[in-house]
Structure formats: structure tokens, C-alpha cells
Protein backbone atom coordinates (compact mmCIF):
# COMPACT_ATOMS: atom_id res chain seq x y z
CA UNK A 1 -3.74 1.99 -29.97
CA UNK A 2 -5.92 2.52 -26.97
CA UNK A 3 -6.43 -0.93 -25.56
CA UNK A 4 -8.21 -2.01 -22.45
CA UNK A 5 -4.98 -2.40 -20.50
CA UNK A 6 -2.93 0.51 -21.73
CA UNK A 7 0.40 1.00 -19.99
CA UNK A 8 -0.41 4.61 -19.22
CA UNK A 9 -3.48 3.86 -17.10
CA UNK A 10 -3.03 5.73 -13.82
CA UNK A 11 0.53 6.70 -14.75
CA UNK A 12 1.92 10.09 -13.78
CA UNK A 13 5.28 11.64 -14.38
CA UNK A 14 7.60 11.91 -11.42
CA UNK A 15 8.47 15.38 -10.22
CA UNK A 16 10.27 16.75 -7.21
CA UNK A 17 8.27 18.70 -4.67
CA UNK A 18 9.32 22.32 -4.38
CA UNK A 19 8.40 22.64 -0.73
CA UNK A 20 7.28 20.60 2.25
CA UNK A 21 3.75 21.92 1.81
CA UNK A 22 3.63 20.74 -1.80
CA UNK A 23 4.92 17.29 -0.78
CA UNK A 24 2.27 17.12 1.94
CA UNK A 25 -0.47 18.09 -0.52
CA UNK A 26 0.65 15.42 -2.99
CA UNK A 27 0.78 12.77 -0.27
CA UNK A 28 -2.72 13.66 0.93
CA UNK A 29 -4.04 13.55 -2.65
CA UNK A 30 -2.53 10.08 -3.10
CA UNK A 31 -3.99 8.97 0.23
CA UNK A 32 -7.45 10.17 -0.81
CA UNK A 33 -7.09 8.44 -4.18
CA UNK A 34 -6.27 5.16 -2.42
CA UNK A 35 -9.18 5.52 0.00
CA UNK A 36 -11.68 6.34 -2.75
CA UNK A 37 -10.50 3.36 -4.80
CA UNK A 38 -10.87 0.74 -2.07
CA UNK A 39 -14.28 -0.55 -3.28
CA UNK A 40 -12.98 -0.86 -6.85
CA UNK A 41 -9.82 -2.62 -5.61
CA UNK A 42 -11.98 -5.11 -3.77
CA UNK A 43 -13.97 -5.86 -6.92
CA UNK A 44 -10.92 -6.13 -9.17
CA UNK A 45 -9.01 -8.46 -6.87
CA UNK A 46 -12.03 -10.25 -5.36
CA UNK A 47 -10.95 -9.44 -1.82
CA UNK A 48 -13.31 -10.88 0.77
CA UNK A 49 -12.73 -8.43 3.63
CA UNK A 50 -14.65 -5.49 5.02
CA UNK A 51 -13.73 -2.16 3.44
CA UNK A 52 -12.97 -0.77 6.90
CA UNK A 53 -10.07 -3.21 7.34
CA UNK A 54 -8.59 -2.33 3.96
CA UNK A 55 -8.99 1.40 4.59
CA UNK A 56 -7.31 0.99 7.98
CA UNK A 57 -4.39 -0.84 6.34
CA UNK A 58 -4.01 1.95 3.77
CA UNK A 59 -3.94 4.48 6.59
CA UNK A 60 -1.39 2.40 8.50
CA UNK A 61 0.92 2.27 5.47
CA UNK A 62 0.74 6.04 5.08
CA UNK A 63 1.20 6.62 8.83
CA UNK A 64 4.48 4.68 8.74
CA UNK A 65 6.07 7.61 6.92
CA UNK A 66 4.16 10.46 8.48
CA UNK A 67 7.13 12.16 10.11
CA UNK A 68 9.59 12.02 7.20
CA UNK A 69 11.08 15.49 6.81
CA UNK A 70 13.50 15.25 3.85
CA UNK A 71 11.94 16.30 0.56
CA UNK A 72 13.97 13.80 -1.48
CA UNK A 73 12.73 10.92 0.64
CA UNK A 74 9.16 12.21 0.42
CA UNK A 75 9.47 12.34 -3.37
CA UNK A 76 10.64 8.73 -3.47
CA UNK A 77 7.86 7.59 -1.14
CA UNK A 78 5.30 9.42 -3.27
CA UNK A 79 6.63 7.80 -6.46
CA UNK A 80 6.55 4.36 -4.83
CA UNK A 81 3.01 4.96 -3.59
CA UNK A 82 1.89 6.05 -7.03
CA UNK A 83 3.50 2.95 -8.59
CA UNK A 84 1.75 0.78 -6.01
CA UNK A 85 -1.57 2.39 -6.87
CA UNK A 86 -1.01 1.89 -10.59
CA UNK A 87 -0.04 -1.77 -10.12
CA UNK A 88 -3.10 -2.47 -7.99
CA UNK A 89 -5.59 -0.68 -10.22
CA UNK A 90 -4.20 -2.18 -13.45
CA UNK A 91 -4.30 -5.64 -11.83
CA UNK A 92 -0.57 -6.07 -12.27
CA UNK A 93 -0.48 -7.23 -8.67
CA UNK A 94 -2.01 -10.58 -7.92
CA UNK A 95 -4.36 -11.18 -5.03
CA UNK A 96 -1.62 -12.85 -2.99
CA UNK A 97 0.58 -9.74 -3.31
CA UNK A 98 -2.16 -7.63 -1.81
CA UNK A 99 -2.93 -10.14 0.91
CA UNK A 100 0.73 -10.03 2.03
CA UNK A 101 -0.09 -6.68 3.66
CA UNK A 102 -2.54 -8.47 5.96
CA UNK A 103 -0.35 -11.44 6.96
CA UNK A 104 0.82 -9.79 10.18
CA UNK A 105 -2.74 -9.70 11.58
CA UNK A 106 -3.49 -13.30 10.62
CA UNK A 107 -0.36 -15.02 11.88
CA UNK A 108 -0.36 -16.49 15.38
CA UNK A 109 2.13 -14.89 17.77
CA UNK A 110 5.67 -16.21 17.59
CA UNK A 111 6.80 -18.39 20.47
CA UNK A 112 9.05 -16.59 22.92
CA UNK A 113 10.01 -19.09 25.60
CA UNK A 114 12.22 -22.10 25.09
CA UNK A 115 9.37 -24.55 25.67
CA UNK A 116 7.04 -22.82 23.23
CA UNK A 117 9.77 -22.90 20.57
CA UNK A 118 10.52 -26.54 21.40
CA UNK A 119 6.88 -27.59 21.10
CA UNK A 120 6.71 -25.84 17.74
CA UNK A 121 9.88 -27.62 16.62
CA UNK A 122 12.17 -24.60 16.50
CA UNK A 123 14.47 -25.06 19.46
């Protein structure tokens, strides 16, 4: 049965990278796949933001793990990234799940002084 929402859409089998170069190549391929899919993601999830902001957020998420050296950790990060891609493209993630990535930019800064906390009601 090949339905519209087949479970195998965008699914890949997990495999360990044989070398650091192979892990790097796989990570770059996943990064490119995310970047190429941004316009489609925006249509699927009806995201009302410029593509440049979404592409920058994708880059930021990949940059978080740029200097990971251990192959096992890279394999896990790659598998998680691939799962994330599959969930987004199959619309298994809701719009609010995707927007959680952008909360940090939208929130006002947290109060730091005693008076700022007091005025906000968090003394």
C-alpha cells in the first residue's frame, strides 16, 4: 500500500560512519537537504517568516555541533537530524514545535536586577 503519508517517506537506515571524513560528508549532505527544503517546509507548516531567518536557524543548529570529534556522537547527531527532517517533512511536527526553535529571539530579556524582577513579580 503506497499511501500519501507512507511511514517510509524520507526514512533512511542508520549506519555508523567509518571515518571522520565520511561523517563530515553525511552531515554536509543533511545540511544541504535541510537548506533546500526550507521553502517546502514553509508551505507545509504555513510559516510566516522570511526564508533567510529559517535558513539562519538551520545553520545555527548545525553550528552548535560543529566541533564534535567523536564518531559515535556524530552518528547519533546525524540520526537525530535525519529524524528531525523526516518529522518536519512528513508534517509529524506541528507548527508550534517548529516555532519553539525561534522562541529565544522573540522573548524579551530576562530581568537581572532585584527591582526588575520585583516589578515583574518574580522577587
